[in-house]
Amino acid sequence: MESTKQLKASILLAFAVLVFGTSGYMIIEGWNFIDALYMTVITVASVGYKEVHDISTPGRLFTIFFVMTGVGTTVYVAGVVVQFMVEGRIRVILGRRKLDKQIERLKNHYIICGYGRIGKVLCENLIRRKPVDIVVVEKNPDLVPVMEKDGILYIHGNASDESVLLRAGIQRARGLVAALATDVDNVFLVLTARQLSPDIDIIARASLDASKSKLLAAGANSVESPYEMGARNMAQRILRPTVTSFLDLAITHKRKDIQMEEIPVNGTSILTGVMLKDSGIRQRFNLIIIAIKKKDGSMLFNPSFETIISAGDTVIAVGEDDNLHKLEEVLNP
């Protein structure tokens, strides 16, 4: 910011020098504007061209004074411009190295490929709802200032390029979201990502129904269509407005007293192997367990009190945000 102010001040100073020299020659020598400006420029630039007209004694005295002040000012302005350009380039390099080092330290993070309308909203929700480490890969240079303003860790490049995905830490990442503009790009991205990291969880965006099978065959774990999801949500608001409003409150953090969270059960938890009725979850944390996803993928809705909490399960609970965090500390210490 300081260097920018200095650059603006130096440009104004250079303009003032030109105005001073041009006005002086016009007043003292009676030259027209073009001749006076030309004489001013060749004087401050020290190019040594011949004067356009013979100069009178007062004009020579003015030229001596103008050379002593104007040339020094010009050198100063040129130095400020060069310094600004060099420092700006250095800041870009150092900023990029800082981002790369932060990305290198990440583990179990998510790679978001594409920072368009879908990618941007996705990142905002991931950070606001449940802060997770994310890295965005975007090839559009116009979106780089937007990502910098949003404080996002990013890599400017083609998401389908193996070297770019490796820089994003795909071999250390927990998941990848393919949210590129076209289905063709997403298919190629999924193929590349699956080859680099066979176990990574991949969620892909599809615009057309015909692309879903291709994305799944390419290696995506799940495929979502924003258009279908939006249409289904609109239909639910018509058919079940109260249920939809409740889910909005529970999922979007609009109220602290109604939150819905999924919590994995670690094998070291003191509640592993304990029945729900003996866990004390309701009494200690004032939470409602609405479902338990078992390790084999089966879902138990409204589980009975005799249901045993096992390692590898995922408990879905509803209640206050603070109590959910306390339960998470117990189930996943």
C-alpha atoms as a PDB file:
ATOM      1  CA  MET A   1       0.000   0.000   0.000  1.00  0.00           C
ATOM      2  CA  GLU A   2       2.826   2.388   0.889  1.00  0.00           C
ATOM      3  CA  SER A   3       4.678   1.660  -2.366  1.00  0.00           C
ATOM      4  CA  THR A   4       1.477   2.337  -4.333  1.00  0.00           C
ATOM      5  CA  LYS A   5       1.099   5.753  -2.714  1.00  0.00           C
ATOM      6  CA  GLN A   6       4.752   6.483  -3.478  1.00  0.00           C
ATOM      7  CA  LEU A   7       4.257   5.523  -7.117  1.00  0.00           C
ATOM      8  CA  LYS A   8       1.221   7.786  -7.470  1.00  0.00           C
ATOM      9  CA  ALA A   9       3.109  10.680  -5.873  1.00  0.00           C
ATOM     10  CA  SER A  10       6.090  10.184  -8.207  1.00  0.00           C
ATOM     11  CA  ILE A  11       3.827  10.150 -11.281  1.00  0.00           C
ATOM     12  CA  LEU A  12       2.249  13.425 -10.161  1.00  0.00           C
ATOM     13  CA  LEU A  13       5.759  14.827  -9.627  1.00  0.00           C
ATOM     14  CA  ALA A  14       6.810  13.805 -13.140  1.00  0.00           C
ATOM     15  CA  PHE A  15       3.695  15.465 -14.568  1.00  0.00           C
ATOM     16  CA  ALA A  16       4.484  18.625 -12.587  1.00  0.00           C
ATOM     17  CA  VAL A  17       8.025  18.670 -14.060  1.00  0.00           C
ATOM     18  CA  LEU A  18       6.623  18.482 -17.591  1.00  0.00           C
ATOM     19  CA  VAL A  19       4.125  21.268 -16.874  1.00  0.00           C
ATOM     20  CA  PHE A  20       6.820  23.446 -15.274  1.00  0.00           C
ATOM     21  CA  GLY A  21       9.301  23.016 -18.136  1.00  0.00           C
ATOM     22  CA  THR A  22       6.726  23.452 -20.910  1.00  0.00           C
ATOM     23  CA  SER A  23       5.227  26.547 -19.297  1.00  0.00           C
ATOM     24  CA  GLY A  24       8.685  28.047 -18.727  1.00  0.00           C
ATOM     25  CA  TYR A  25       9.746  27.757 -22.374  1.00  0.00           C
ATOM     26  CA  MET A  26       6.413  29.054 -23.595  1.00  0.00           C
ATOM     27  CA  ILE A  27       6.590  32.109 -21.328  1.00  0.00           C
ATOM     28  CA  ILE A  28      10.318  32.912 -21.634  1.00  0.00           C
ATOM     29  CA  GLU A  29      10.911  32.005 -25.276  1.00  0.00           C
ATOM     30  CA  GLY A  30       7.403  32.471 -26.638  1.00  0.00           C
ATOM     31  CA  TRP A  31       7.389  28.989 -28.231  1.00  0.00           C
ATOM     32  CA  ASN A  32       4.259  27.050 -29.087  1.00  0.00           C
ATOM     33  CA  PHE A  33       3.122  24.149 -26.911  1.00  0.00           C
ATOM     34  CA  ILE A  34       4.623  21.335 -29.022  1.00  0.00           C
ATOM     35  CA  ASP A  35       8.069  22.967 -29.285  1.00  0.00           C
ATOM     36  CA  ALA A  36       8.109  23.760 -25.562  1.00  0.00           C
ATOM     37  CA  LEU A  37       7.031  20.223 -24.624  1.00  0.00           C
ATOM     38  CA  TYR A  38       9.623  18.706 -26.975  1.00  0.00           C
ATOM     39  CA  MET A  39      12.385  20.824 -25.443  1.00  0.00           C
ATOM     40  CA  THR A  40      11.250  19.826 -21.964  1.00  0.00           C
ATOM     41  CA  VAL A  41      11.297  16.110 -22.753  1.00  0.00           C
ATOM     42  CA  ILE A  42      14.736  16.042 -24.418  1.00  0.00           C
ATOM     43  CA  THR A  43      16.136  18.110 -21.550  1.00  0.00           C
ATOM     44  CA  VAL A  44      14.923  15.875 -18.691  1.00  0.00           C
ATOM     45  CA  ALA A  45      15.732  12.740 -20.708  1.00  0.00           C
ATOM     46  CA  SER A  46      19.282  14.018 -21.383  1.00  0.00           C
ATOM     47  CA  VAL A  47      19.208  12.685 -24.951  1.00  0.00           C
ATOM     48  CA  GLY A  48      21.318  15.563 -26.287  1.00  0.00           C
ATOM     49  CA  TYR A  49      19.232  16.490 -29.330  1.00  0.00           C
ATOM     50  CA  LYS A  50      19.666  19.968 -30.797  1.00  0.00           C
ATOM     51  CA  GLU A  51      17.335  22.700 -29.582  1.00  0.00           C
ATOM     52  CA  VAL A  52      14.349  23.383 -31.813  1.00  0.00           C
ATOM     53  CA  HIS A  53      15.081  27.142 -31.739  1.00  0.00           C
ATOM     54  CA  ASP A  54      17.903  29.384 -30.635  1.00  0.00           C
ATOM     55  CA  ILE A  55      17.670  30.050 -26.917  1.00  0.00           C
ATOM     56  CA  SER A  56      17.989  33.489 -25.375  1.00  0.00           C
ATOM     57  CA  THR A  57      20.077  34.227 -22.315  1.00  0.00           C
ATOM     58  CA  PRO A  58      17.073  34.031 -19.952  1.00  0.00           C
ATOM     59  CA  GLY A  59      16.124  30.769 -21.654  1.00  0.00           C
ATOM     60  CA  ARG A  60      19.592  29.349 -21.105  1.00  0.00           C
ATOM     61  CA  LEU A  61      19.502  30.307 -17.433  1.00  0.00           C
ATOM     62  CA  PHE A  62      16.089  28.628 -17.147  1.00  0.00           C
ATOM     63  CA  THR A  63      17.466  25.503 -18.895  1.00  0.00           C
ATOM     64  CA  ILE A  64      20.381  25.311 -16.439  1.00  0.00           C
ATOM     65  CA  PHE A  65      17.979  25.490 -13.496  1.00  0.00           C
ATOM     66  CA  PHE A  66      15.594  23.073 -15.142  1.00  0.00           C
ATOM     67  CA  VAL A  67      18.374  20.526 -15.812  1.00  0.00           C
ATOM     68  CA  MET A  68      19.522  20.675 -12.173  1.00  0.00           C
ATOM     69  CA  THR A  69      15.994  20.070 -10.856  1.00  0.00           C
ATOM     70  CA  GLY A  70      14.171  18.235 -13.596  1.00  0.00           C
ATOM     71  CA  VAL A  71      16.763  15.576 -14.438  1.00  0.00           C
ATOM     72  CA  GLY A  72      17.189  14.612 -10.803  1.00  0.00           C
ATOM     73  CA  THR A  73      13.429  14.391 -10.405  1.00  0.00           C
ATOM     74  CA  THR A  74      13.165  12.207 -13.517  1.00  0.00           C
ATOM     75  CA  VAL A  75      15.811   9.818 -12.205  1.00  0.00           C
ATOM     76  CA  TYR A  76      13.962   9.606  -8.887  1.00  0.00           C
ATOM     77  CA  VAL A  77      10.646   8.855 -10.615  1.00  0.00           C
ATOM     78  CA  ALA A  78      12.260   6.175 -12.786  1.00  0.00           C
ATOM     79  CA  GLY A  79      13.765   4.592  -9.685  1.00  0.00           C
ATOM     80  CA  VAL A  80      10.410   4.527  -7.918  1.00  0.00           C
ATOM     81  CA  VAL A  81       8.732   2.893 -10.948  1.00  0.00           C
ATOM     82  CA  VAL A  82      11.428   0.210 -11.205  1.00  0.00           C
ATOM     83  CA  GLN A  83      11.279  -0.416  -7.458  1.00  0.00           C
ATOM     84  CA  PHE A  84       7.510  -0.779  -7.574  1.00  0.00           C
ATOM     85  CA  MET A  85       7.713  -3.301 -10.412  1.00  0.00           C
ATOM     86  CA  VAL A  86      10.456  -5.323  -8.736  1.00  0.00           C
ATOM     87  CA  GLU A  87       8.795  -5.301  -5.311  1.00  0.00           C
ATOM     88  CA  GLY A  88       5.460  -6.248  -6.865  1.00  0.00           C
ATOM     89  CA  ARG A  89       7.023  -9.224  -8.593  1.00  0.00           C
ATOM     90  CA  ILE A  90       8.821 -10.231  -5.406  1.00  0.00           C
ATOM     91  CA  ARG A  91       5.555 -10.050  -3.458  1.00  0.00           C
ATOM     92  CA  VAL A  92       3.887 -12.300  -6.002  1.00  0.00           C
ATOM     93  CA  ILE A  93       6.721 -14.843  -5.807  1.00  0.00           C
ATOM     94  CA  LEU A  94       6.894 -14.798  -2.010  1.00  0.00           C
ATOM     95  CA  GLY A  95       3.099 -14.998  -1.743  1.00  0.00           C
ATOM     96  CA  ARG A  96       3.008 -18.015  -4.047  1.00  0.00           C
ATOM     97  CA  ARG A  97       5.780 -19.745  -2.078  1.00  0.00           C
ATOM     98  CA  LYS A  98       3.884 -19.116   1.145  1.00  0.00           C
ATOM     99  CA  LEU A  99       0.747 -20.674  -0.331  1.00  0.00           C
ATOM    100  CA  ASP A 100       2.717 -23.681  -1.605  1.00  0.00           C
ATOM    101  CA  LYS A 101       4.236 -24.258   1.827  1.00  0.00           C
ATOM    102  CA  GLN A 102       0.809 -24.105   3.473  1.00  0.00           C
ATOM    103  CA  ILE A 103      -0.534 -26.621   0.958  1.00  0.00           C
ATOM    104  CA  GLU A 104       2.456 -28.931   1.493  1.00  0.00           C
ATOM    105  CA  ARG A 105       1.626 -29.128   5.213  1.00  0.00           C
ATOM    106  CA  LEU A 106      -2.001 -30.159   4.646  1.00  0.00           C
ATOM    107  CA  LYS A 107      -3.278 -33.683   5.287  1.00  0.00           C
ATOM    108  CA  ASN A 108      -6.788 -35.126   5.012  1.00  0.00           C
ATOM    109  CA  HIS A 109      -7.902 -32.009   3.174  1.00  0.00           C
ATOM    110  CA  TYR A 110     -10.325 -31.556   0.281  1.00  0.00           C
ATOM    111  CA  ILE A 111      -9.421 -30.465  -3.229  1.00  0.00           C
ATOM    112  CA  ILE A 112     -12.098 -28.370  -4.935  1.00  0.00           C
ATOM    113  CA  CYS A 113     -11.564 -28.284  -8.699  1.00  0.00           C
ATOM    114  CA  GLY A 114     -13.269 -25.207 -10.111  1.00  0.00           C
ATOM    115  CA  TYR A 115     -14.107 -21.901  -8.402  1.00  0.00           C
ATOM    116  CA  GLY A 116     -17.090 -20.901 -10.491  1.00  0.00           C
ATOM    117  CA  ARG A 117     -20.564 -20.424  -9.069  1.00  0.00           C
ATOM    118  CA  ILE A 118     -20.783 -23.980  -7.723  1.00  0.00           C
ATOM    119  CA  GLY A 119     -17.221 -24.162  -6.412  1.00  0.00           C
ATOM    120  CA  LYS A 120     -17.359 -20.787  -4.671  1.00  0.00           C
ATOM    121  CA  VAL A 121     -20.608 -21.539  -2.839  1.00  0.00           C
ATOM    122  CA  LEU A 122     -19.300 -24.999  -1.934  1.00  0.00           C
ATOM    123  CA  CYS A 123     -16.148 -23.552  -0.372  1.00  0.00           C
ATOM    124  CA  GLU A 124     -18.112 -20.931   1.554  1.00  0.00           C
ATOM    125  CA  ASN A 125     -20.365 -23.605   3.060  1.00  0.00           C
ATOM    126  CA  LEU A 126     -17.491 -25.943   3.916  1.00  0.00           C
ATOM    127  CA  ILE A 127     -15.640 -23.200   5.748  1.00  0.00           C
ATOM    128  CA  ARG A 128     -18.694 -21.731   7.490  1.00  0.00           C
ATOM    129  CA  ARG A 129     -20.548 -24.926   8.407  1.00  0.00           C
ATOM    130  CA  LYS A 130     -17.674 -27.109   9.526  1.00  0.00           C
ATOM    131  CA  PRO A 131     -14.257 -25.610   8.935  1.00  0.00           C
ATOM    132  CA  VAL A 132     -12.147 -28.000   6.899  1.00  0.00           C
ATOM    133  CA  ASP A 133      -8.883 -27.595   5.035  1.00  0.00           C
ATOM    134  CA  ILE A 134      -9.488 -27.025   1.340  1.00  0.00           C
ATOM    135  CA  VAL A 135      -7.364 -26.311  -1.718  1.00  0.00           C
ATOM    136  CA  VAL A 136      -8.940 -24.877  -4.846  1.00  0.00           C
ATOM    137  CA  VAL A 137      -7.613 -25.604  -8.334  1.00  0.00           C
ATOM    138  CA  GLU A 138      -8.749 -23.056 -10.924  1.00  0.00           C
ATOM    139  CA  LYS A 139      -7.318 -22.284 -14.371  1.00  0.00           C
ATOM    140  CA  ASN A 140      -9.211 -19.039 -15.046  1.00  0.00           C
ATOM    141  CA  PRO A 141      -6.795 -16.168 -14.244  1.00  0.00           C
ATOM    142  CA  ASP A 142      -9.728 -13.784 -13.736  1.00  0.00           C
ATOM    143  CA  LEU A 143     -10.742 -15.748 -10.628  1.00  0.00           C
ATOM    144  CA  VAL A 144      -7.315 -15.517  -8.957  1.00  0.00           C
ATOM    145  CA  PRO A 145      -8.039 -12.094  -7.360  1.00  0.00           C
ATOM    146  CA  VAL A 146     -11.400 -13.451  -6.148  1.00  0.00           C
ATOM    147  CA  MET A 147      -9.728 -16.428  -4.444  1.00  0.00           C
ATOM    148  CA  GLU A 148      -7.102 -14.169  -2.889  1.00  0.00           C
ATOM    149  CA  LYS A 149      -9.814 -11.861  -1.573  1.00  0.00           C
ATOM    150  CA  ASP A 150     -11.696 -14.836  -0.112  1.00  0.00           C
ATOM    151  CA  GLY A 151      -8.534 -16.070   1.616  1.00  0.00           C
ATOM    152  CA  ILE A 152      -8.621 -19.435  -0.158  1.00  0.00           C
ATOM    153  CA  LEU A 153      -5.598 -21.685  -0.592  1.00  0.00           C
ATOM    154  CA  TYR A 154      -5.435 -22.105  -4.353  1.00  0.00           C
ATOM    155  CA  ILE A 155      -3.381 -23.323  -7.272  1.00  0.00           C
ATOM    156  CA  HIS A 156      -3.735 -21.621 -10.636  1.00  0.00           C
ATOM    157  CA  GLY A 157      -3.646 -24.351 -13.241  1.00  0.00           C
ATOM    158  CA  ASN A 158      -5.476 -27.079 -15.125  1.00  0.00           C
ATOM    159  CA  ALA A 159      -7.117 -29.482 -12.665  1.00  0.00           C
ATOM    160  CA  SER A 160      -6.692 -32.380 -15.119  1.00  0.00           C
ATOM    161  CA  ASP A 161      -2.908 -31.950 -15.118  1.00  0.00           C
ATOM    162  CA  GLU A 162      -1.220 -34.587 -12.938  1.00  0.00           C
ATOM    163  CA  SER A 163       1.479 -32.176 -11.753  1.00  0.00           C
ATOM    164  CA  VAL A 164      -1.165 -29.675 -10.602  1.00  0.00           C
ATOM    165  CA  LEU A 165      -3.068 -32.325  -8.632  1.00  0.00           C
ATOM    166  CA  LEU A 166       0.167 -33.499  -7.040  1.00  0.00           C
ATOM    167  CA  ARG A 167       0.939 -29.915  -6.006  1.00  0.00           C
ATOM    168  CA  ALA A 168      -2.532 -29.795  -4.451  1.00  0.00           C
ATOM    169  CA  GLY A 169      -1.567 -32.818  -2.332  1.00  0.00           C
ATOM    170  CA  ILE A 170      -3.956 -35.329  -3.856  1.00  0.00           C
ATOM    171  CA  GLN A 171      -2.015 -38.254  -2.383  1.00  0.00           C
ATOM    172  CA  ARG A 172      -2.565 -36.815   1.120  1.00  0.00           C
ATOM    173  CA  ALA A 173      -6.105 -35.538   0.546  1.00  0.00           C
ATOM    174  CA  ARG A 174      -9.289 -37.018   1.977  1.00  0.00           C
ATOM    175  CA  GLY A 175     -11.530 -36.064  -0.915  1.00  0.00           C
ATOM    176  CA  LEU A 176     -11.807 -34.293  -4.254  1.00  0.00           C
ATOM    177  CA  VAL A 177     -14.742 -32.452  -5.797  1.00  0.00           C
ATOM    178  CA  ALA A 178     -14.876 -32.233  -9.593  1.00  0.00           C
ATOM    179  CA  ALA A 179     -16.880 -29.052 -10.190  1.00  0.00           C
ATOM    180  CA  LEU A 180     -15.515 -27.991 -13.562  1.00  0.00           C
ATOM    181  CA  ALA A 181     -17.698 -26.289 -16.147  1.00  0.00           C
ATOM    182  CA  THR A 182     -18.253 -29.241 -18.500  1.00  0.00           C
ATOM    183  CA  ASP A 183     -18.959 -32.927 -17.959  1.00  0.00           C
ATOM    184  CA  VAL A 184     -16.153 -33.872 -20.353  1.00  0.00           C
ATOM    185  CA  ASP A 185     -13.617 -31.998 -18.237  1.00  0.00           C
ATOM    186  CA  ASN A 186     -14.972 -33.626 -15.074  1.00  0.00           C
ATOM    187  CA  VAL A 187     -14.727 -37.137 -16.571  1.00  0.00           C
ATOM    188  CA  PHE A 188     -11.090 -36.601 -17.515  1.00  0.00           C
ATOM    189  CA  LEU A 189     -10.376 -35.070 -14.108  1.00  0.00           C
ATOM    190  CA  VAL A 190     -11.927 -38.033 -12.281  1.00  0.00           C
ATOM    191  CA  LEU A 191      -9.881 -40.496 -14.363  1.00  0.00           C
ATOM    192  CA  THR A 192      -6.663 -38.619 -13.578  1.00  0.00           C
ATOM    193  CA  ALA A 193      -7.447 -38.234  -9.882  1.00  0.00           C
ATOM    194  CA  ARG A 194      -8.375 -41.902  -9.454  1.00  0.00           C
ATOM    195  CA  GLN A 195      -5.091 -43.006 -11.030  1.00  0.00           C
ATOM    196  CA  LEU A 196      -3.079 -40.740  -8.733  1.00  0.00           C
ATOM    197  CA  SER A 197      -4.973 -41.679  -5.557  1.00  0.00           C
ATOM    198  CA  PRO A 198      -6.944 -44.957  -5.725  1.00  0.00           C
ATOM    199  CA  ASP A 199      -8.540 -44.522  -2.277  1.00  0.00           C
ATOM    200  CA  ILE A 200      -9.574 -40.865  -2.406  1.00  0.00           C
ATOM    201  CA  ASP A 201     -13.284 -40.026  -2.125  1.00  0.00           C
ATOM    202  CA  ILE A 202     -14.384 -38.283  -5.341  1.00  0.00           C
ATOM    203  CA  ILE A 203     -17.612 -36.318  -5.753  1.00  0.00           C
ATOM    204  CA  ALA A 204     -18.338 -35.179  -9.301  1.00  0.00           C
ATOM    205  CA  ARG A 205     -20.708 -32.626 -10.764  1.00  0.00           C
ATOM    206  CA  ALA A 206     -22.837 -33.658 -13.746  1.00  0.00           C
ATOM    207  CA  SER A 207     -24.941 -31.405 -15.927  1.00  0.00           C
ATOM    208  CA  LEU A 208     -26.481 -34.184 -18.027  1.00  0.00           C
ATOM    209  CA  ASP A 209     -28.024 -37.474 -16.943  1.00  0.00           C
ATOM    210  CA  ALA A 210     -26.019 -39.320 -19.601  1.00  0.00           C
ATOM    211  CA  SER A 211     -22.789 -38.168 -17.961  1.00  0.00           C
ATOM    212  CA  LYS A 212     -23.520 -39.737 -14.565  1.00  0.00           C
ATOM    213  CA  SER A 213     -22.705 -43.290 -15.644  1.00  0.00           C
ATOM    214  CA  LYS A 214     -19.517 -42.104 -17.328  1.00  0.00           C
ATOM    215  CA  LEU A 215     -18.363 -40.272 -14.212  1.00  0.00           C
ATOM    216  CA  LEU A 216     -19.094 -43.312 -12.030  1.00  0.00           C
ATOM    217  CA  ALA A 217     -17.249 -45.564 -14.484  1.00  0.00           C
ATOM    218  CA  ALA A 218     -14.312 -43.124 -14.457  1.00  0.00           C
ATOM    219  CA  GLY A 219     -13.992 -43.599 -10.699  1.00  0.00           C
ATOM    220  CA  ALA A 220     -16.278 -41.116  -8.964  1.00  0.00           C
ATOM    221  CA  ASN A 221     -17.753 -42.333  -5.679  1.00  0.00           C
ATOM    222  CA  SER A 222     -20.845 -40.220  -6.143  1.00  0.00           C
ATOM    223  CA  VAL A 223     -22.258 -37.883  -8.783  1.00  0.00           C
ATOM    224  CA  GLU A 224     -24.488 -34.891  -8.100  1.00  0.00           C
ATOM    225  CA  SER A 225     -26.474 -32.690 -10.464  1.00  0.00           C
ATOM    226  CA  PRO A 226     -26.987 -29.155  -9.091  1.00  0.00           C
ATOM    227  CA  TYR A 227     -30.010 -28.718 -11.347  1.00  0.00           C
ATOM    228  CA  GLU A 228     -31.726 -31.872 -10.093  1.00  0.00           C
ATOM    229  CA  MET A 229     -30.899 -31.038  -6.486  1.00  0.00           C
ATOM    230  CA  GLY A 230     -32.326 -27.555  -6.906  1.00  0.00           C
ATOM    231  CA  ALA A 231     -35.517 -28.892  -8.507  1.00  0.00           C
ATOM    232  CA  ARG A 232     -35.993 -31.515  -5.768  1.00  0.00           C
ATOM    233  CA  ASN A 233     -35.485 -28.885  -3.089  1.00  0.00           C
ATOM    234  CA  MET A 234     -38.098 -26.635  -4.688  1.00  0.00           C
ATOM    235  CA  ALA A 235     -40.541 -29.552  -4.873  1.00  0.00           C
ATOM    236  CA  GLN A 236     -39.985 -30.378  -1.189  1.00  0.00           C
ATOM    237  CA  ARG A 237     -40.650 -26.760  -0.243  1.00  0.00           C
ATOM    238  CA  ILE A 238     -44.024 -27.073  -1.980  1.00  0.00           C
ATOM    239  CA  LEU A 239     -44.932 -30.516  -0.627  1.00  0.00           C
ATOM    240  CA  ARG A 240     -43.292 -30.414   2.830  1.00  0.00           C
ATOM    241  CA  PRO A 241     -42.577 -26.770   3.739  1.00  0.00           C
ATOM    242  CA  THR A 242     -42.314 -27.400   7.487  1.00  0.00           C
ATOM    243  CA  VAL A 243     -39.917 -30.321   7.099  1.00  0.00           C
ATOM    244  CA  THR A 244     -37.806 -28.306   4.671  1.00  0.00           C
ATOM    245  CA  SER A 245     -37.693 -25.354   7.043  1.00  0.00           C
ATOM    246  CA  PHE A 246     -36.559 -27.627   9.873  1.00  0.00           C
ATOM    247  CA  LEU A 247     -33.787 -29.116   7.735  1.00  0.00           C
ATOM    248  CA  ASP A 248     -32.670 -25.621   6.730  1.00  0.00           C
ATOM    249  CA  LEU A 249     -32.374 -24.667  10.382  1.00  0.00           C
ATOM    250  CA  ALA A 250     -30.558 -27.876  11.293  1.00  0.00           C
ATOM    251  CA  ILE A 251     -28.097 -27.917   8.412  1.00  0.00           C
ATOM    252  CA  THR A 252     -27.352 -24.287   7.560  1.00  0.00           C
ATOM    253  CA  HIS A 253     -26.382 -23.049  11.055  1.00  0.00           C
ATOM    254  CA  LYS A 254     -29.222 -20.537  11.156  1.00  0.00           C
ATOM    255  CA  ARG A 255     -29.930 -21.465  14.788  1.00  0.00           C
ATOM    256  CA  LYS A 256     -27.497 -22.701  17.416  1.00  0.00           C
ATOM    257  CA  ASP A 257     -30.101 -24.733  19.329  1.00  0.00           C
ATOM    258  CA  ILE A 258     -31.019 -26.899  16.345  1.00  0.00           C
ATOM    259  CA  GLN A 259     -28.075 -28.521  14.629  1.00  0.00           C
ATOM    260  CA  MET A 260     -27.648 -31.821  12.854  1.00  0.00           C
ATOM    261  CA  GLU A 261     -24.268 -33.525  12.797  1.00  0.00           C
ATOM    262  CA  GLU A 262     -22.743 -36.852  11.834  1.00  0.00           C
ATOM    263  CA  ILE A 263     -20.054 -38.110  14.179  1.00  0.00           C
ATOM    264  CA  PRO A 264     -17.836 -41.129  13.443  1.00  0.00           C
ATOM    265  CA  VAL A 265     -17.239 -43.585  16.282  1.00  0.00           C
ATOM    266  CA  ASN A 266     -13.598 -44.261  17.031  1.00  0.00           C
ATOM    267  CA  GLY A 267     -12.521 -47.633  18.382  1.00  0.00           C
ATOM    268  CA  THR A 268     -10.947 -45.911  21.386  1.00  0.00           C
ATOM    269  CA  SER A 269     -14.212 -44.256  22.455  1.00  0.00           C
ATOM    270  CA  ILE A 270     -15.531 -45.185  25.908  1.00  0.00           C
ATOM    271  CA  LEU A 271     -18.974 -45.693  24.296  1.00  0.00           C
ATOM    272  CA  THR A 272     -17.769 -48.358  21.864  1.00  0.00           C
ATOM    273  CA  GLY A 273     -19.742 -51.550  22.496  1.00  0.00           C
ATOM    274  CA  VAL A 274     -22.256 -49.724  24.707  1.00  0.00           C
ATOM    275  CA  MET A 275     -26.035 -49.761  24.134  1.00  0.00           C
ATOM    276  CA  LEU A 276     -27.746 -46.460  23.474  1.00  0.00           C
ATOM    277  CA  LYS A 277     -29.783 -46.775  26.694  1.00  0.00           C
ATOM    278  CA  ASP A 278     -26.556 -47.086  28.709  1.00  0.00           C
ATOM    279  CA  SER A 279     -24.590 -44.422  26.817  1.00  0.00           C
ATOM    280  CA  GLY A 280     -26.150 -41.468  28.637  1.00  0.00           C
ATOM    281  CA  ILE A 281     -26.157 -39.436  25.434  1.00  0.00           C
ATOM    282  CA  ARG A 282     -29.676 -38.147  26.025  1.00  0.00           C
ATOM    283  CA  GLN A 283     -29.110 -37.364  29.707  1.00  0.00           C
ATOM    284  CA  ARG A 284     -25.561 -35.947  29.500  1.00  0.00           C
ATOM    285  CA  PHE A 285     -25.747 -34.050  26.203  1.00  0.00           C
ATOM    286  CA  ASN A 286     -29.493 -33.514  25.628  1.00  0.00           C
ATOM    287  CA  LEU A 287     -29.183 -34.850  22.087  1.00  0.00           C
ATOM    288  CA  ILE A 288     -31.500 -36.941  19.939  1.00  0.00           C
ATOM    289  CA  ILE A 289     -29.979 -39.801  17.934  1.00  0.00           C
ATOM    290  CA  ILE A 290     -32.040 -39.987  14.748  1.00  0.00           C
ATOM    291  CA  ALA A 291     -29.947 -42.574  12.883  1.00  0.00           C
ATOM    292  CA  ILE A 292     -26.804 -44.688  12.993  1.00  0.00           C
ATOM    293  CA  LYS A 293     -24.924 -45.652   9.864  1.00  0.00           C
ATOM    294  CA  LYS A 294     -23.243 -49.002  10.384  1.00  0.00           C
ATOM    295  CA  LYS A 295     -19.801 -49.882   9.111  1.00  0.00           C
ATOM    296  CA  ASP A 296     -21.273 -51.978   6.285  1.00  0.00           C
ATOM    297  CA  GLY A 297     -23.206 -48.945   4.981  1.00  0.00           C
ATOM    298  CA  SER A 298     -26.636 -49.922   6.299  1.00  0.00           C
ATOM    299  CA  MET A 299     -28.656 -47.167   7.950  1.00  0.00           C
ATOM    300  CA  LEU A 300     -30.621 -47.608  11.168  1.00  0.00           C
ATOM    301  CA  PHE A 301     -33.284 -44.892  11.415  1.00  0.00           C
ATOM    302  CA  ASN A 302     -34.690 -44.131  14.859  1.00  0.00           C
ATOM    303  CA  PRO A 303     -32.472 -46.808  16.460  1.00  0.00           C
ATOM    304  CA  SER A 304     -33.835 -48.633  19.495  1.00  0.00           C
ATOM    305  CA  PHE A 305     -32.365 -48.255  22.966  1.00  0.00           C
ATOM    306  CA  GLU A 306     -30.809 -51.725  22.614  1.00  0.00           C
ATOM    307  CA  THR A 307     -28.765 -50.666  19.581  1.00  0.00           C
ATOM    308  CA  ILE A 308     -25.045 -51.104  20.275  1.00  0.00           C
ATOM    309  CA  ILE A 309     -22.621 -48.342  19.313  1.00  0.00           C
ATOM    310  CA  SER A 310     -19.786 -50.004  17.415  1.00  0.00           C
ATOM    311  CA  ALA A 311     -16.415 -48.815  16.142  1.00  0.00           C
ATOM    312  CA  GLY A 312     -16.758 -47.576  12.567  1.00  0.00           C
ATOM    313  CA  ASP A 313     -20.370 -46.472  13.034  1.00  0.00           C
ATOM    314  CA  THR A 314     -21.485 -42.950  12.229  1.00  0.00           C
ATOM    315  CA  VAL A 315     -23.936 -41.422  14.676  1.00  0.00           C
ATOM    316  CA  ILE A 316     -26.364 -38.801  13.338  1.00  0.00           C
ATOM    317  CA  ALA A 317     -27.537 -36.540  16.156  1.00  0.00           C
ATOM    318  CA  VAL A 318     -29.669 -33.414  16.548  1.00  0.00           C
ATOM    319  CA  GLY A 319     -29.301 -30.817  19.269  1.00  0.00           C
ATOM    320  CA  GLU A 320     -27.348 -27.781  20.343  1.00  0.00           C
ATOM    321  CA  ASP A 321     -24.029 -27.079  18.664  1.00  0.00           C
ATOM    322  CA  ASP A 322     -22.007 -27.097  21.896  1.00  0.00           C
ATOM    323  CA  ASN A 323     -23.456 -30.432  22.977  1.00  0.00           C
ATOM    324  CA  LEU A 324     -22.694 -31.937  19.571  1.00  0.00           C
ATOM    325  CA  HIS A 325     -19.062 -30.913  19.987  1.00  0.00           C
ATOM    326  CA  LYS A 326     -18.973 -32.526  23.429  1.00  0.00           C
ATOM    327  CA  LEU A 327     -20.396 -35.766  22.040  1.00  0.00           C
ATOM    328  CA  GLU A 328     -17.833 -35.686  19.245  1.00  0.00           C
ATOM    329  CA  GLU A 329     -15.060 -35.484  21.828  1.00  0.00           C
ATOM    330  CA  VAL A 330     -16.429 -38.644  23.434  1.00  0.00           C
ATOM    331  CA  LEU A 331     -17.157 -40.651  20.280  1.00  0.00           C
ATOM    332  CA  ASN A 332     -14.094 -39.580  18.338  1.00  0.00           C
ATOM    333  CA  PRO A 333     -11.405 -38.697  20.895  1.00  0.00           C
END
